[in-house]
Amino acid sequence: MADKLISRRDLLKKSAFWGIAVVVGPALLNGGCGSDAPVCTDTAGLSQPEIAMRTANAYVDRTPEPAKTCANCNFFESRGESACGGCKVLKGPIAPAGYCRLWAAKIA
């Protein structure tokens, strides 16, 4: 088997290409797939107990159960269809398409 040497210039070109692809690729895919759902996972302003409460109740931005979303939960406080809302129980931003274990059907 012949050993193939790579020049320093080729190594730098390939490293730059893959570095950019890793950073920019997911952003392009996320924005380019028609996903208008807000990402509501920013917990920067929350205390450790508030973050622990979100984690313990398995909050996610996209529900694994299509019939149960934050938008149709009794505790959800809407701020518009394409914006993060709030919750009467969990602190922090809440996605309308999200879900957690505390889900309760909206009372009409």
N, C-alpha and C. Protein backbone atom coordinates (compact mmCIF):
# COMPACT_ATOMS: atom_id res chain seq x y z
N MET A 1 0.84 -1.16 0.00
CA MET A 1 0.00 0.00 0.00
C MET A 1 0.89 1.23 0.00
N ALA A 2 0.62 2.14 -0.89
CA ALA A 2 1.44 3.34 -1.00
C ALA A 2 0.95 4.39 -0.01
N ASP A 3 1.91 5.04 0.66
CA ASP A 3 1.57 6.12 1.57
C ASP A 3 1.38 7.40 0.77
N LYS A 4 0.26 8.07 1.00
CA LYS A 4 -0.02 9.31 0.28
C LYS A 4 0.23 10.47 1.24
N LEU A 5 1.14 11.33 0.88
CA LEU A 5 1.44 12.49 1.69
C LEU A 5 0.52 13.64 1.30
N ILE A 6 0.16 14.41 2.27
CA ILE A 6 -0.69 15.58 2.01
C ILE A 6 0.13 16.83 2.32
N SER A 7 0.03 17.81 1.44
CA SER A 7 0.80 19.04 1.65
C SER A 7 0.16 19.86 2.77
N ARG A 8 0.93 20.73 3.34
CA ARG A 8 0.45 21.61 4.39
C ARG A 8 -0.68 22.49 3.87
N ARG A 9 -0.55 22.96 2.65
CA ARG A 9 -1.58 23.81 2.03
C ARG A 9 -2.90 23.04 1.90
N ASP A 10 -2.84 21.80 1.42
CA ASP A 10 -4.06 20.99 1.31
C ASP A 10 -4.68 20.71 2.67
N LEU A 11 -3.83 20.46 3.65
CA LEU A 11 -4.32 20.21 4.99
C LEU A 11 -5.07 21.43 5.53
N LEU A 12 -4.50 22.62 5.34
CA LEU A 12 -5.14 23.85 5.80
C LEU A 12 -6.45 24.11 5.06
N LYS A 13 -6.48 23.87 3.75
CA LYS A 13 -7.70 24.06 2.97
C LYS A 13 -8.81 23.13 3.46
N LYS A 14 -8.45 21.86 3.64
CA LYS A 14 -9.45 20.89 4.09
C LYS A 14 -9.91 21.18 5.52
N SER A 15 -9.00 21.60 6.37
CA SER A 15 -9.37 21.94 7.74
C SER A 15 -10.31 23.14 7.77
N ALA A 16 -10.01 24.15 6.95
CA ALA A 16 -10.88 25.33 6.89
C ALA A 16 -12.26 24.95 6.37
N PHE A 17 -12.30 24.14 5.31
CA PHE A 17 -13.58 23.72 4.74
C PHE A 17 -14.43 23.00 5.77
N TRP A 18 -13.86 21.99 6.42
CA TRP A 18 -14.64 21.21 7.37
C TRP A 18 -14.98 22.01 8.62
N GLY A 19 -14.10 22.92 9.02
CA GLY A 19 -14.40 23.79 10.16
C GLY A 19 -15.60 24.66 9.89
N ILE A 20 -15.64 25.25 8.70
CA ILE A 20 -16.78 26.09 8.32
C ILE A 20 -18.03 25.23 8.17
N ALA A 21 -17.90 24.06 7.57
CA ALA A 21 -19.06 23.18 7.38
C ALA A 21 -19.68 22.77 8.71
N VAL A 22 -18.85 22.50 9.71
CA VAL A 22 -19.35 22.09 11.02
C VAL A 22 -20.07 23.23 11.72
N VAL A 23 -19.57 24.45 11.56
CA VAL A 23 -20.17 25.61 12.23
C VAL A 23 -21.40 26.11 11.49
N VAL A 24 -21.32 26.25 10.18
CA VAL A 24 -22.39 26.86 9.40
C VAL A 24 -23.45 25.85 8.97
N GLY A 25 -23.06 24.62 8.73
CA GLY A 25 -23.99 23.61 8.22
C GLY A 25 -25.25 23.44 9.04
N PRO A 26 -25.15 23.19 10.35
CA PRO A 26 -26.37 23.02 11.14
C PRO A 26 -27.28 24.25 11.13
N ALA A 27 -26.69 25.44 11.13
CA ALA A 27 -27.49 26.66 11.09
C ALA A 27 -28.27 26.75 9.78
N LEU A 28 -27.62 26.40 8.67
CA LEU A 28 -28.30 26.42 7.38
C LEU A 28 -29.39 25.38 7.32
N LEU A 29 -29.13 24.20 7.83
CA LEU A 29 -30.13 23.14 7.81
C LEU A 29 -31.32 23.48 8.69
N ASN A 30 -31.07 24.04 9.85
CA ASN A 30 -32.14 24.39 10.77
C ASN A 30 -33.04 25.47 10.19
N GLY A 31 -32.44 26.48 9.61
CA GLY A 31 -33.21 27.58 9.04
C GLY A 31 -33.79 27.25 7.70
N GLY A 32 -33.19 26.36 6.95
CA GLY A 32 -33.63 26.07 5.61
C GLY A 32 -34.66 24.97 5.50
N CYS A 33 -35.03 24.35 6.59
CA CYS A 33 -35.99 23.24 6.53
C CYS A 33 -37.41 23.68 6.81
N GLY A 34 -37.68 24.98 6.74
CA GLY A 34 -39.03 25.47 6.96
C GLY A 34 -39.48 25.41 8.40
N SER A 35 -38.57 25.36 9.31
CA SER A 35 -38.91 25.30 10.72
C SER A 35 -39.13 26.71 11.26
N ASP A 36 -40.39 27.05 11.50
CA ASP A 36 -40.70 28.37 12.05
C ASP A 36 -40.85 28.32 13.57
N ALA A 37 -40.76 27.13 14.14
CA ALA A 37 -40.93 26.98 15.58
C ALA A 37 -39.77 27.66 16.32
N PRO A 38 -40.10 28.44 17.34
CA PRO A 38 -39.03 29.09 18.10
C PRO A 38 -38.25 28.09 18.94
N VAL A 39 -37.00 28.40 19.19
CA VAL A 39 -36.16 27.59 20.07
C VAL A 39 -36.21 28.26 21.44
N CYS A 40 -36.73 27.56 22.41
CA CYS A 40 -37.00 28.15 23.72
C CYS A 40 -36.23 27.43 24.83
N THR A 41 -34.98 27.15 24.60
CA THR A 41 -34.18 26.42 25.59
C THR A 41 -33.19 27.30 26.34
N ASP A 42 -33.24 28.63 26.13
CA ASP A 42 -32.31 29.54 26.79
C ASP A 42 -32.69 29.67 28.27
N THR A 43 -31.84 29.16 29.12
CA THR A 43 -32.10 29.21 30.56
C THR A 43 -31.13 30.14 31.28
N ALA A 44 -30.57 31.10 30.54
CA ALA A 44 -29.54 31.99 31.10
C ALA A 44 -30.01 32.76 32.33
N GLY A 45 -31.25 33.21 32.37
CA GLY A 45 -31.72 34.02 33.49
C GLY A 45 -32.35 33.23 34.62
N LEU A 46 -32.28 31.92 34.56
CA LEU A 46 -32.94 31.10 35.57
C LEU A 46 -31.98 30.64 36.66
N SER A 47 -32.53 30.40 37.84
CA SER A 47 -31.73 29.88 38.94
C SER A 47 -31.53 28.38 38.75
N GLN A 48 -30.61 27.81 39.50
CA GLN A 48 -30.36 26.37 39.41
C GLN A 48 -31.62 25.55 39.76
N PRO A 49 -32.37 25.90 40.80
CA PRO A 49 -33.60 25.14 41.08
C PRO A 49 -34.63 25.23 39.94
N GLU A 50 -34.72 26.38 39.27
CA GLU A 50 -35.65 26.53 38.15
C GLU A 50 -35.22 25.68 36.96
N ILE A 51 -33.93 25.64 36.71
CA ILE A 51 -33.39 24.80 35.63
C ILE A 51 -33.61 23.33 35.98
N ALA A 52 -33.39 22.97 37.24
CA ALA A 52 -33.59 21.60 37.69
C ALA A 52 -35.06 21.19 37.54
N MET A 53 -35.97 22.12 37.77
CA MET A 53 -37.41 21.84 37.63
C MET A 53 -37.75 21.54 36.17
N ARG A 54 -37.17 22.31 35.23
CA ARG A 54 -37.39 22.05 33.81
C ARG A 54 -36.85 20.68 33.42
N THR A 55 -35.66 20.37 33.92
CA THR A 55 -35.02 19.09 33.61
C THR A 55 -35.79 17.92 34.22
N ALA A 56 -36.18 18.06 35.46
CA ALA A 56 -36.91 16.99 36.15
C ALA A 56 -38.24 16.68 35.48
N ASN A 57 -38.85 17.69 34.87
CA ASN A 57 -40.13 17.49 34.21
C ASN A 57 -39.99 17.26 32.71
N ALA A 58 -38.75 17.03 32.26
CA ALA A 58 -38.44 16.64 30.88
C ALA A 58 -38.98 17.61 29.84
N TYR A 59 -38.80 18.93 30.06
CA TYR A 59 -39.24 19.92 29.07
C TYR A 59 -38.42 19.78 27.79
N VAL A 60 -39.12 19.77 26.64
CA VAL A 60 -38.49 19.77 25.32
C VAL A 60 -39.24 20.76 24.42
N ASP A 61 -38.54 21.32 23.44
CA ASP A 61 -39.15 22.29 22.51
C ASP A 61 -40.10 21.64 21.51
N ARG A 62 -39.92 20.35 21.24
CA ARG A 62 -40.80 19.63 20.30
C ARG A 62 -41.38 18.41 21.01
N THR A 63 -42.68 18.37 21.06
CA THR A 63 -43.35 17.30 21.78
C THR A 63 -43.15 15.93 21.14
N PRO A 64 -42.96 14.89 21.94
CA PRO A 64 -42.92 13.54 21.40
C PRO A 64 -44.33 12.98 21.23
N GLU A 65 -45.32 13.66 21.79
CA GLU A 65 -46.72 13.24 21.72
C GLU A 65 -47.52 14.33 21.01
N PRO A 66 -47.79 14.19 19.71
CA PRO A 66 -48.44 15.24 18.92
C PRO A 66 -49.74 15.80 19.51
N ALA A 67 -50.49 15.01 20.25
CA ALA A 67 -51.75 15.49 20.82
C ALA A 67 -51.53 16.36 22.06
N LYS A 68 -50.31 16.32 22.59
CA LYS A 68 -50.01 17.08 23.82
C LYS A 68 -48.90 18.08 23.53
N THR A 69 -49.26 19.35 23.38
CA THR A 69 -48.27 20.40 23.18
C THR A 69 -48.49 21.46 24.26
N CYS A 70 -47.50 22.28 24.45
CA CYS A 70 -47.64 23.36 25.41
C CYS A 70 -48.78 24.30 25.00
N ALA A 71 -48.98 24.48 23.70
CA ALA A 71 -50.03 25.38 23.21
C ALA A 71 -51.42 24.93 23.66
N ASN A 72 -51.62 23.62 23.85
CA ASN A 72 -52.93 23.17 24.31
C ASN A 72 -52.90 22.68 25.77
N CYS A 73 -51.93 23.19 26.52
CA CYS A 73 -51.80 22.87 27.94
C CYS A 73 -52.45 23.96 28.78
N ASN A 74 -53.06 23.58 29.88
CA ASN A 74 -53.73 24.52 30.77
C ASN A 74 -52.75 25.53 31.39
N PHE A 75 -51.49 25.18 31.52
CA PHE A 75 -50.52 26.05 32.18
C PHE A 75 -49.81 27.02 31.23
N PHE A 76 -49.99 26.86 29.91
CA PHE A 76 -49.26 27.66 28.92
C PHE A 76 -49.80 29.08 28.83
N GLU A 77 -48.90 30.05 28.73
CA GLU A 77 -49.25 31.46 28.55
C GLU A 77 -48.66 31.91 27.22
N SER A 78 -49.51 32.07 26.22
CA SER A 78 -49.07 32.38 24.87
C SER A 78 -48.60 33.83 24.73
N ARG A 79 -47.59 34.00 23.88
CA ARG A 79 -47.10 35.34 23.52
C ARG A 79 -47.05 35.45 22.01
N GLY A 80 -47.87 34.67 21.33
CA GLY A 80 -47.89 34.66 19.87
C GLY A 80 -47.45 33.31 19.35
N GLU A 81 -47.93 32.98 18.15
CA GLU A 81 -47.69 31.66 17.58
C GLU A 81 -46.22 31.39 17.28
N SER A 82 -45.48 32.41 16.86
CA SER A 82 -44.07 32.20 16.49
C SER A 82 -43.11 32.73 17.54
N ALA A 83 -43.58 32.82 18.80
CA ALA A 83 -42.73 33.31 19.88
C ALA A 83 -42.79 32.35 21.07
N CYS A 84 -41.75 32.38 21.87
CA CYS A 84 -41.75 31.58 23.09
C CYS A 84 -42.79 32.15 24.04
N GLY A 85 -43.51 31.26 24.69
CA GLY A 85 -44.50 31.68 25.67
C GLY A 85 -43.96 31.46 27.06
N GLY A 86 -44.87 31.37 27.99
CA GLY A 86 -44.51 31.14 29.37
C GLY A 86 -45.31 29.99 29.94
N CYS A 87 -45.07 29.67 31.19
CA CYS A 87 -45.77 28.57 31.85
C CYS A 87 -46.06 29.00 33.28
N LYS A 88 -47.21 28.60 33.79
CA LYS A 88 -47.58 28.93 35.17
C LYS A 88 -46.79 28.09 36.18
N VAL A 89 -46.18 26.99 35.72
CA VAL A 89 -45.46 26.10 36.62
C VAL A 89 -43.95 26.17 36.39
N LEU A 90 -43.51 26.02 35.13
CA LEU A 90 -42.08 26.08 34.80
C LEU A 90 -41.67 27.50 34.47
N LYS A 91 -40.53 27.92 34.90
CA LYS A 91 -40.00 29.24 34.59
C LYS A 91 -39.19 29.19 33.30
N GLY A 92 -39.06 30.32 32.64
CA GLY A 92 -38.25 30.42 31.43
C GLY A 92 -39.11 30.34 30.18
N PRO A 93 -38.46 30.47 29.02
CA PRO A 93 -39.18 30.44 27.75
C PRO A 93 -39.74 29.04 27.43
N ILE A 94 -40.96 29.03 26.92
CA ILE A 94 -41.64 27.77 26.61
C ILE A 94 -42.13 27.81 25.16
N ALA A 95 -41.79 26.79 24.39
CA ALA A 95 -42.20 26.71 22.98
C ALA A 95 -43.65 26.23 22.89
N PRO A 96 -44.45 26.86 22.01
CA PRO A 96 -45.84 26.39 21.83
C PRO A 96 -45.90 24.91 21.41
N ALA A 97 -44.90 24.44 20.66
CA ALA A 97 -44.86 23.04 20.22
C ALA A 97 -44.14 22.15 21.22
N GLY A 98 -43.81 22.67 22.39
CA GLY A 98 -43.07 21.93 23.39
C GLY A 98 -43.93 20.98 24.20
N TYR A 99 -43.31 20.35 25.19
CA TYR A 99 -43.99 19.38 26.04
C TYR A 99 -43.18 19.17 27.31
N CYS A 100 -43.88 18.85 28.39
CA CYS A 100 -43.22 18.38 29.62
C CYS A 100 -44.18 17.44 30.33
N ARG A 101 -43.72 16.80 31.37
CA ARG A 101 -44.52 15.82 32.11
C ARG A 101 -45.70 16.45 32.84
N LEU A 102 -45.69 17.77 33.01
CA LEU A 102 -46.76 18.44 33.74
C LEU A 102 -47.96 18.77 32.86
N TRP A 103 -47.93 18.37 31.59
CA TRP A 103 -48.98 18.72 30.65
C TRP A 103 -50.36 18.35 31.22
N ALA A 104 -51.28 19.32 31.10
CA ALA A 104 -52.67 19.09 31.51
C ALA A 104 -53.56 19.73 30.45
N ALA A 105 -54.61 19.06 30.04
CA ALA A 105 -55.49 19.56 29.00
C ALA A 105 -56.03 20.95 29.36
N LYS A 106 -56.08 21.81 28.37
CA LYS A 106 -56.57 23.17 28.55
C LYS A 106 -58.05 23.11 28.96
N ILE A 107 -58.38 23.86 29.97
CA ILE A 107 -59.78 23.93 30.43
C ILE A 107 -60.50 24.96 29.59
N ALA A 108 -61.59 24.53 28.98
CA ALA A 108 -62.33 25.43 28.07
C ALA A 108 -63.14 26.46 28.77
